[in-house]
N, C-alpha and C. Protein backbone atom coordinates (compact mmCIF):
# COMPACT_ATOMS: atom_id res chain seq x y z
N MET A 1 0.42 -1.10 -0.19
CA MET A 1 -0.19 0.14 -0.09
C MET A 1 0.68 1.20 0.00
N VAL A 2 0.46 2.14 -0.88
CA VAL A 2 1.44 3.10 -1.16
C VAL A 2 0.89 5.02 0.02
N LYS A 3 1.95 4.86 0.97
CA LYS A 3 1.36 6.18 1.43
C LYS A 3 2.38 7.31 1.91
N LEU A 4 1.83 8.32 2.46
CA LEU A 4 2.04 9.36 2.21
C LEU A 4 2.86 10.05 3.60
N THR A 5 3.92 10.49 4.26
CA THR A 5 3.77 11.27 5.13
C THR A 5 5.22 12.17 5.11
N PRO A 6 5.22 12.63 6.19
CA PRO A 6 6.23 13.51 6.61
C PRO A 6 7.30 13.02 6.57
N LEU A 7 8.70 13.64 6.53
CA LEU A 7 9.96 13.26 6.25
C LEU A 7 10.39 12.46 7.26
N LEU A 8 10.62 11.02 7.86
CA LEU A 8 10.62 10.31 8.78
C LEU A 8 11.96 9.50 8.85
N GLU A 9 12.53 9.17 7.67
CA GLU A 9 13.32 8.15 7.70
C GLU A 9 14.36 8.72 6.55
N ASP A 10 15.61 8.23 6.74
CA ASP A 10 16.86 8.62 5.73
C ASP A 10 16.24 8.04 4.40
N VAL A 11 16.78 8.90 3.51
CA VAL A 11 15.86 8.86 1.97
C VAL A 11 17.45 8.87 1.04
N ALA A 12 18.52 8.88 1.57
CA ALA A 12 19.54 8.66 0.75
C ALA A 12 19.87 7.63 -0.22
N LYS A 13 18.94 6.57 0.05
CA LYS A 13 19.41 5.08 -1.00
C LYS A 13 18.03 5.72 -2.24
N LEU A 14 17.68 6.45 -2.05
CA LEU A 14 16.88 6.79 -3.46
C LEU A 14 17.85 7.02 -4.38
N SER A 15 17.01 6.87 -6.10
CA SER A 15 18.19 7.38 -6.77
C SER A 15 17.73 7.88 -8.05
N VAL A 16 17.73 8.79 -8.72
CA VAL A 16 17.59 9.65 -10.06
C VAL A 16 18.23 8.66 -11.16
N ALA A 17 16.88 8.50 -12.04
CA ALA A 17 17.01 8.41 -13.32
C ALA A 17 18.21 9.28 -14.09
N GLU A 18 19.49 9.48 -14.55
CA GLU A 18 20.07 10.14 -15.54
C GLU A 18 19.42 11.21 -15.89
N GLN A 19 18.38 10.89 -17.30
CA GLN A 19 17.54 11.47 -18.02
C GLN A 19 16.77 12.45 -17.33
N GLN A 20 16.74 12.10 -15.87
CA GLN A 20 15.79 13.04 -14.94
C GLN A 20 16.34 13.95 -14.21
N LEU A 21 17.79 13.69 -14.04
CA LEU A 21 18.57 14.73 -13.29
C LEU A 21 18.00 16.59 -13.72
N PRO A 22 18.12 16.92 -14.87
CA PRO A 22 17.92 18.20 -15.01
C PRO A 22 16.28 18.66 -14.63
N TYR A 23 15.56 17.66 -14.64
CA TYR A 23 14.02 18.11 -13.88
C TYR A 23 14.06 18.58 -12.36
N VAL A 24 14.67 17.03 -11.98
CA VAL A 24 14.49 16.84 -9.78
C VAL A 24 15.54 17.12 -8.99
N GLY A 25 16.90 16.90 -9.94
CA GLY A 25 18.18 16.54 -9.30
C GLY A 25 18.54 15.59 -8.47
N THR A 26 19.57 15.39 -7.80
CA THR A 26 19.95 14.50 -6.97
C THR A 26 19.40 14.50 -5.56
N ILE A 27 19.32 13.68 -4.74
CA ILE A 27 18.66 13.41 -3.45
C ILE A 27 19.37 14.56 -2.65
N ASP A 28 20.76 15.00 -2.99
CA ASP A 28 21.03 15.58 -2.02
C ASP A 28 20.54 17.30 -2.19
N GLU A 29 20.41 17.49 -3.60
CA GLU A 29 20.25 18.80 -4.05
C GLU A 29 18.61 19.29 -3.42
N VAL A 30 17.74 18.21 -3.26
CA VAL A 30 16.64 17.87 -3.35
C VAL A 30 16.42 18.64 -1.50
N LEU A 31 17.60 17.81 -0.87
CA LEU A 31 17.44 17.86 0.57
C LEU A 31 17.97 19.36 1.18
N ILE A 32 18.70 19.75 0.31
CA ILE A 32 19.28 20.75 0.73
C ILE A 32 18.06 22.41 1.03
N ASN A 33 17.29 22.06 -0.20
CA ASN A 33 16.20 23.12 -0.31
C ASN A 33 15.13 23.07 0.89
N ALA A 34 15.32 22.02 1.77
CA ALA A 34 14.67 21.98 2.93
C ALA A 34 14.87 22.36 4.29
N ASP A 35 13.64 22.89 5.00
CA ASP A 35 14.09 23.71 5.79
C ASP A 35 12.77 24.32 6.64
N GLU A 36 12.72 25.16 7.13
CA GLU A 36 11.23 25.22 8.27
C GLU A 36 10.01 25.43 7.12
N ASN A 37 10.74 26.21 5.97
CA ASN A 37 9.27 26.63 5.19
C ASN A 37 9.14 25.82 4.00
N THR A 38 9.95 24.86 3.45
CA THR A 38 10.04 23.71 2.74
C THR A 38 10.00 22.50 3.35
N HIS A 39 9.04 21.51 3.34
CA HIS A 39 8.92 20.38 3.97
C HIS A 39 9.20 18.93 3.15
N PRO A 40 10.05 18.23 3.36
CA PRO A 40 10.12 17.09 2.92
C PRO A 40 8.98 16.35 3.17
N HIS A 41 8.22 15.24 2.34
CA HIS A 41 7.92 14.05 2.62
C HIS A 41 8.08 13.02 1.72
N ILE A 42 7.81 11.92 2.50
CA ILE A 42 8.30 10.49 1.73
C ILE A 42 6.93 9.41 0.76
N VAL A 43 7.30 8.93 0.25
CA VAL A 43 6.28 8.30 0.13
C VAL A 43 7.20 6.59 0.45
N LEU A 44 5.96 5.99 0.36
CA LEU A 44 6.48 4.73 1.41
C LEU A 44 5.42 3.71 0.60
N ASN A 45 6.09 2.35 0.36
CA ASN A 45 4.95 1.34 -0.22
C ASN A 45 5.63 -0.09 0.35
N ASP A 46 4.63 -0.68 1.72
CA ASP A 46 5.02 -1.40 2.43
C ASP A 46 5.72 -0.99 3.25
N GLU A 47 5.90 0.17 4.05
CA GLU A 47 7.42 0.26 4.74
C GLU A 47 8.09 0.89 4.21
N GLN A 48 8.60 0.76 2.88
CA GLN A 48 9.91 1.12 2.46
C GLN A 48 9.82 2.00 1.57
N VAL A 49 10.98 3.23 2.10
CA VAL A 49 10.88 4.19 1.19
C VAL A 49 10.88 4.39 -0.85
N ILE A 50 10.34 5.11 -1.03
CA ILE A 50 10.11 4.41 -2.52
C ILE A 50 10.29 6.19 -3.35
N GLY A 51 9.93 6.88 -2.20
CA GLY A 51 10.15 8.63 -2.90
C GLY A 51 10.05 9.63 -2.09
N ILE A 52 10.08 10.95 -2.46
CA ILE A 52 9.87 11.79 -1.73
C ILE A 52 9.03 13.36 -2.91
N PHE A 53 8.66 13.77 -1.94
CA PHE A 53 8.63 15.40 -2.99
C PHE A 53 9.09 16.65 -1.27
N LEU A 54 8.80 17.69 -2.09
CA LEU A 54 8.54 18.89 -0.98
C LEU A 54 7.37 19.80 -1.27
N ILE A 55 7.15 20.47 -0.05
CA ILE A 55 5.76 21.10 -0.07
C ILE A 55 6.69 22.62 0.48
N ASP A 56 6.48 23.30 -0.31
CA ASP A 56 7.23 24.74 -0.08
C ASP A 56 5.77 25.76 0.42
N MET A 57 6.14 26.38 1.49
CA MET A 57 4.85 27.17 2.05
C MET A 57 4.79 28.59 1.45
N LEU A 58 6.45 28.67 1.05
CA LEU A 58 6.93 30.50 0.81
C LEU A 58 6.59 30.11 -0.72
N TYR A 59 6.11 29.28 -1.63
CA TYR A 59 6.13 29.29 -3.24
C TYR A 59 5.18 30.83 -3.67
N PRO A 60 4.63 31.02 -3.09
CA PRO A 60 4.15 32.67 -3.85
C PRO A 60 4.59 33.86 -3.26
N GLN A 61 5.85 33.88 -2.44
CA GLN A 61 6.94 34.49 -2.09
C GLN A 61 8.24 34.87 -3.40
N SER A 62 7.97 33.21 -3.98
CA SER A 62 9.41 32.94 -4.81
C SER A 62 8.62 33.20 -6.56
N TYR A 63 7.43 32.69 -6.40
CA TYR A 63 6.94 32.83 -8.12
C TYR A 63 5.54 33.77 -8.09
N GLU A 64 5.91 34.75 -9.21
CA GLU A 64 5.02 35.92 -8.83
C GLU A 64 3.14 34.99 -9.74
N PHE A 65 3.37 33.67 -10.09
CA PHE A 65 2.22 33.60 -10.76
C PHE A 65 0.93 32.62 -9.71
N ALA A 66 2.00 32.38 -8.52
CA ALA A 66 1.18 31.84 -7.52
C ALA A 66 0.39 31.96 -6.37
N GLU A 67 -0.39 32.31 -6.22
CA GLU A 67 -1.73 32.85 -5.38
C GLU A 67 -1.46 33.07 -3.66
N SER A 68 -1.69 34.01 -2.85
CA SER A 68 -1.15 34.26 -1.79
C SER A 68 -1.95 33.31 -1.15
N GLY A 69 -1.35 32.67 -0.42
CA GLY A 69 -2.26 31.07 0.59
C GLY A 69 -2.30 29.48 0.21
N SER A 70 -1.21 29.91 -1.25
CA SER A 70 -1.51 28.36 -2.14
C SER A 70 0.39 27.88 -1.16
N LEU A 71 0.11 26.33 -1.53
CA LEU A 71 1.67 25.74 -1.62
C LEU A 71 2.06 25.01 -3.01
N GLY A 72 3.24 25.27 -2.79
CA GLY A 72 4.08 24.42 -4.39
C GLY A 72 4.25 23.44 -3.95
N PHE A 73 4.39 22.33 -4.96
CA PHE A 73 4.71 21.00 -4.89
C PHE A 73 5.84 21.16 -5.81
N ARG A 74 7.05 20.84 -5.01
CA ARG A 74 8.61 20.69 -6.00
C ARG A 74 8.90 19.31 -5.77
N ALA A 75 10.29 19.23 -6.43
CA ALA A 75 11.02 17.90 -6.51
C ALA A 75 10.84 16.51 -6.12
N PHE A 76 9.26 16.36 -7.03
CA PHE A 76 8.51 15.35 -7.17
C PHE A 76 9.91 13.71 -7.91
N LEU A 77 9.89 12.80 -7.12
CA LEU A 77 10.65 11.68 -8.01
C LEU A 77 10.49 10.22 -7.17
N ILE A 78 10.36 9.48 -7.59
CA ILE A 78 9.89 7.96 -7.49
C ILE A 78 11.35 7.60 -7.78
N ASP A 79 12.22 6.89 -6.84
CA ASP A 79 12.75 5.61 -6.95
C ASP A 79 12.94 5.17 -8.47
N GLN A 80 14.20 5.56 -9.49
CA GLN A 80 14.23 4.91 -10.62
C GLN A 80 14.08 3.26 -10.62
N ARG A 81 14.79 2.56 -9.63
CA ARG A 81 14.06 1.31 -9.83
C ARG A 81 12.60 0.96 -9.20
N GLN A 82 11.49 1.85 -8.73
CA GLN A 82 10.04 1.45 -8.85
C GLN A 82 9.66 2.38 -9.65
N GLN A 83 10.10 2.70 -11.00
CA GLN A 83 8.99 3.25 -11.79
C GLN A 83 8.69 2.53 -12.69
N GLY A 84 7.48 3.23 -13.08
CA GLY A 84 6.49 2.31 -14.54
C GLY A 84 5.59 1.07 -13.19
N GLN A 85 6.06 1.29 -12.15
CA GLN A 85 4.80 0.94 -11.26
C GLN A 85 3.58 1.05 -11.17
N GLY A 86 3.12 2.69 -11.54
CA GLY A 86 1.96 3.65 -10.93
C GLY A 86 2.15 4.14 -9.98
N TYR A 87 2.94 4.10 -9.38
CA TYR A 87 3.35 4.78 -7.74
C TYR A 87 3.20 6.63 -7.91
N GLY A 88 3.65 6.90 -9.31
CA GLY A 88 3.37 8.23 -9.31
C GLY A 88 2.11 8.99 -9.37
N GLY A 89 0.78 8.47 -10.03
CA GLY A 89 0.00 7.89 -9.82
C GLY A 89 -0.98 7.97 -8.30
N LYS A 90 -0.64 7.31 -7.80
CA LYS A 90 -1.46 6.46 -6.47
C LYS A 90 -0.76 7.90 -5.81
N VAL A 91 0.36 8.34 -5.68
CA VAL A 91 0.76 9.61 -5.13
C VAL A 91 0.18 10.89 -5.19
N MET A 92 -0.27 10.78 -6.86
CA MET A 92 -1.03 12.30 -6.85
C MET A 92 -2.42 12.33 -6.41
N SER A 93 -3.22 10.96 -6.35
CA SER A 93 -4.80 10.71 -6.13
C SER A 93 -4.61 10.87 -4.82
N GLN A 94 -3.36 10.73 -3.86
CA GLN A 94 -3.79 10.82 -2.68
C GLN A 94 -3.55 12.67 -2.23
N LEU A 95 -2.62 13.24 -2.89
CA LEU A 95 -2.36 14.17 -2.49
C LEU A 95 -3.23 15.29 -2.03
N ARG A 96 -4.30 15.71 -2.80
CA ARG A 96 -5.26 16.68 -2.57
C ARG A 96 -5.68 16.45 -0.80
N ASP A 97 -6.12 14.98 -0.62
CA ASP A 97 -7.06 14.70 0.98
C ASP A 97 -5.43 15.30 2.02
N TYR A 98 -3.85 14.58 1.46
CA TYR A 98 -3.14 14.67 2.52
C TYR A 98 -3.05 16.26 2.88
N LEU A 99 -3.16 16.85 1.42
CA LEU A 99 -2.25 18.63 1.99
C LEU A 99 -3.20 19.20 2.60
N VAL A 100 -5.08 18.65 2.43
CA VAL A 100 -5.76 19.24 3.62
C VAL A 100 -5.46 18.89 4.93
N GLN A 101 -5.47 17.61 5.06
CA GLN A 101 -4.84 17.22 6.24
C GLN A 101 -4.01 17.61 6.98
N HIS A 102 -2.41 17.90 6.57
CA HIS A 102 -1.77 18.83 6.72
C HIS A 102 -1.31 19.86 6.57
N TYR A 103 -1.77 20.92 5.75
CA TYR A 103 -1.71 22.22 5.76
C TYR A 103 -3.56 22.31 5.93
N PRO A 104 -4.12 22.51 6.46
CA PRO A 104 -6.08 23.18 6.52
C PRO A 104 -5.79 24.59 6.00
N SER A 105 -5.04 25.70 6.31
CA SER A 105 -5.35 26.84 6.05
C SER A 105 -4.53 26.90 5.09
N HIS A 106 -4.07 25.99 3.84
CA HIS A 106 -3.64 26.38 2.31
C HIS A 106 -4.96 26.02 1.34
N HIS A 107 -5.41 27.35 0.40
CA HIS A 107 -6.62 27.19 -0.47
C HIS A 107 -6.20 26.26 -1.69
N SER A 108 -4.81 26.24 -2.26
CA SER A 108 -4.28 25.48 -3.45
C SER A 108 -2.80 25.25 -3.30
N ILE A 109 -2.42 24.68 -4.27
CA ILE A 109 -1.18 24.07 -4.63
C ILE A 109 -0.75 24.25 -6.11
N TYR A 110 0.69 24.59 -5.97
CA TYR A 110 0.98 24.43 -7.71
C TYR A 110 1.87 23.80 -7.64
N LEU A 111 1.93 23.50 -9.15
CA LEU A 111 3.35 22.94 -9.50
C LEU A 111 3.92 23.35 -10.64
N THR A 112 4.93 23.39 -11.17
CA THR A 112 5.57 23.14 -12.46
C THR A 112 6.03 22.06 -12.98
N VAL A 113 5.75 21.50 -14.35
CA VAL A 113 6.26 20.45 -14.77
C VAL A 113 6.64 21.08 -16.54
N ASN A 114 8.22 20.18 -16.85
CA ASN A 114 8.31 20.84 -18.05
C ASN A 114 7.69 20.46 -19.07
N CYS A 115 7.81 20.85 -20.58
CA CYS A 115 6.94 21.03 -21.22
C CYS A 115 7.36 19.69 -22.12
N LYS A 116 8.49 19.50 -21.57
CA LYS A 116 8.74 17.97 -22.61
C LYS A 116 8.35 16.37 -21.88
N ASN A 117 8.16 16.84 -20.51
CA ASN A 117 7.75 15.51 -19.81
C ASN A 117 5.77 15.28 -20.10
N ALA A 118 5.80 15.05 -20.63
CA ALA A 118 4.16 14.55 -20.78
C ALA A 118 3.55 13.44 -20.25
N THR A 119 4.34 13.02 -19.73
CA THR A 119 4.30 11.37 -18.62
C THR A 119 3.79 12.48 -17.24
N ALA A 120 4.31 12.84 -17.31
CA ALA A 120 4.27 13.16 -15.86
C ALA A 120 2.83 14.60 -15.98
N TYR A 121 3.10 15.48 -16.79
CA TYR A 121 2.05 16.36 -17.24
C TYR A 121 0.29 15.49 -17.18
N GLN A 122 0.58 14.12 -17.84
CA GLN A 122 -0.63 13.54 -17.67
C GLN A 122 -1.33 13.23 -16.59
N CYS A 123 -0.21 12.59 -16.04
CA CYS A 123 -0.47 12.10 -14.61
C CYS A 123 -1.05 13.31 -13.77
N TYR A 124 -0.60 14.74 -13.68
CA TYR A 124 -0.57 15.91 -12.73
C TYR A 124 -2.41 15.92 -13.36
N VAL A 125 -2.73 16.31 -14.99
CA VAL A 125 -3.99 16.74 -15.37
C VAL A 125 -4.94 14.85 -14.73
N LYS A 126 -4.54 14.25 -14.70
CA LYS A 126 -5.72 13.04 -14.05
C LYS A 126 -6.14 13.11 -13.05
N ASN A 127 -4.67 13.70 -11.99
CA ASN A 127 -5.78 13.57 -10.59
C ASN A 127 -5.54 15.02 -10.45
N GLY A 128 -5.83 15.86 -10.53
CA GLY A 128 -6.79 16.87 -10.27
C GLY A 128 -6.43 18.36 -10.38
N PHE A 129 -4.98 18.15 -11.33
CA PHE A 129 -4.23 19.80 -11.55
C PHE A 129 -4.76 20.25 -12.72
N HIS A 130 -4.76 21.71 -13.24
CA HIS A 130 -5.38 21.86 -14.43
C HIS A 130 -4.37 22.84 -14.48
N ASP A 131 -3.61 23.01 -16.12
CA ASP A 131 -2.97 24.18 -16.64
C ASP A 131 -3.72 25.05 -16.86
N THR A 132 -2.88 25.95 -16.70
CA THR A 132 -2.77 27.47 -15.67
C THR A 132 -2.90 27.98 -17.80
N LYS A 133 -2.23 27.55 -18.90
CA LYS A 133 -2.00 27.98 -19.94
C LYS A 133 -1.05 28.97 -19.57
N GLU A 134 -0.28 28.85 -18.75
CA GLU A 134 0.84 30.00 -18.95
C GLU A 134 1.92 28.80 -18.64
N CYS A 135 3.11 29.21 -18.70
CA CYS A 135 4.58 28.91 -19.08
C CYS A 135 5.74 29.74 -17.82
N TYR A 136 6.03 28.89 -17.25
CA TYR A 136 7.43 29.94 -16.39
C TYR A 136 8.59 29.22 -17.30
N LEU A 137 9.40 30.26 -17.43
CA LEU A 137 10.40 29.95 -18.23
C LEU A 137 11.92 30.36 -17.85
N GLY A 138 11.42 30.15 -16.11
CA GLY A 138 12.85 30.48 -15.85
C GLY A 138 13.02 28.57 -14.92
N GLY A 139 12.89 27.65 -15.51
CA GLY A 139 13.27 26.67 -15.43
C GLY A 139 14.71 25.97 -15.73
N ALA A 140 15.57 25.65 -14.99
CA ALA A 140 16.70 25.08 -15.40
C ALA A 140 16.91 24.18 -16.84
N ALA A 141 16.02 23.34 -17.02
CA ALA A 141 15.74 22.35 -17.93
C ALA A 141 14.90 23.08 -19.26
N GLY A 142 14.67 24.09 -18.77
CA GLY A 142 13.26 24.35 -20.22
C GLY A 142 12.30 25.09 -19.85
N PRO A 143 11.30 25.50 -21.00
CA PRO A 143 10.01 26.09 -19.97
C PRO A 143 9.18 24.91 -19.62
N GLN A 144 8.29 25.56 -18.86
CA GLN A 144 7.56 24.62 -17.79
C GLN A 144 6.10 25.11 -17.52
N HIS A 145 5.25 23.95 -18.13
CA HIS A 145 3.60 23.98 -17.46
C HIS A 145 3.56 24.77 -16.08
N ILE A 146 2.59 25.90 -15.75
CA ILE A 146 2.48 26.03 -14.52
C ILE A 146 0.81 25.29 -14.11
N MET A 147 0.77 24.69 -13.24
CA MET A 147 -0.64 23.56 -12.84
C MET A 147 -0.77 23.88 -11.81
N LEU A 148 -2.52 23.79 -11.22
CA LEU A 148 -2.92 24.19 -10.59
C LEU A 148 -4.08 23.33 -9.75
N MET A 149 -3.69 23.10 -8.64
CA MET A 149 -4.97 22.24 -7.78
C MET A 149 -5.53 22.80 -6.64
N LYS A 150 -6.90 22.86 -6.65
CA LYS A 150 -7.50 23.87 -5.41
C LYS A 150 -7.80 23.00 -4.40
N LEU A 151 -7.43 22.93 -3.09
CA LEU A 151 -7.59 21.96 -1.92
C LEU A 151 -9.02 21.78 -1.43
N HIS A 152 -9.77 22.52 -1.26
CA HIS A 152 -11.08 22.79 -1.17
C HIS A 152 -11.97 23.02 -2.28
N THR A 153 -12.98 21.80 -2.60
CA THR A 153 -13.76 22.24 -3.61
C THR A 153 -15.38 22.63 -3.09
């Protein structure tokens, strides 16, 4: 069973596929961004750590397209040895309820996804995000779709 939880365990054993490094970075690069305003969360499958993501509480202060009171979803990765098994979709299908529970005062969440990453884009759309029809041009690996999901319907 796939479960999301705040970071409680060592995630150093997670690995990123070489072709994904421009989009996500290494585990060390992900964790260096974690602090009191950017919270790491892990993805467990049967108590085994298989992924990580960051929730950025100050996202609107860094990205002018983000509304005040929203969160940012960043640095999502599933271990390269676990990819292709549907875990990304399972995480995304749980995300809204998880965020409402852990961040009840926030009304929405933004993410950016590289315009070349059609698989991730479709996963986000299928699980509640919508494309704002704007692009973020400051991404290290090229233009990114700006996507939004309302947390409270």
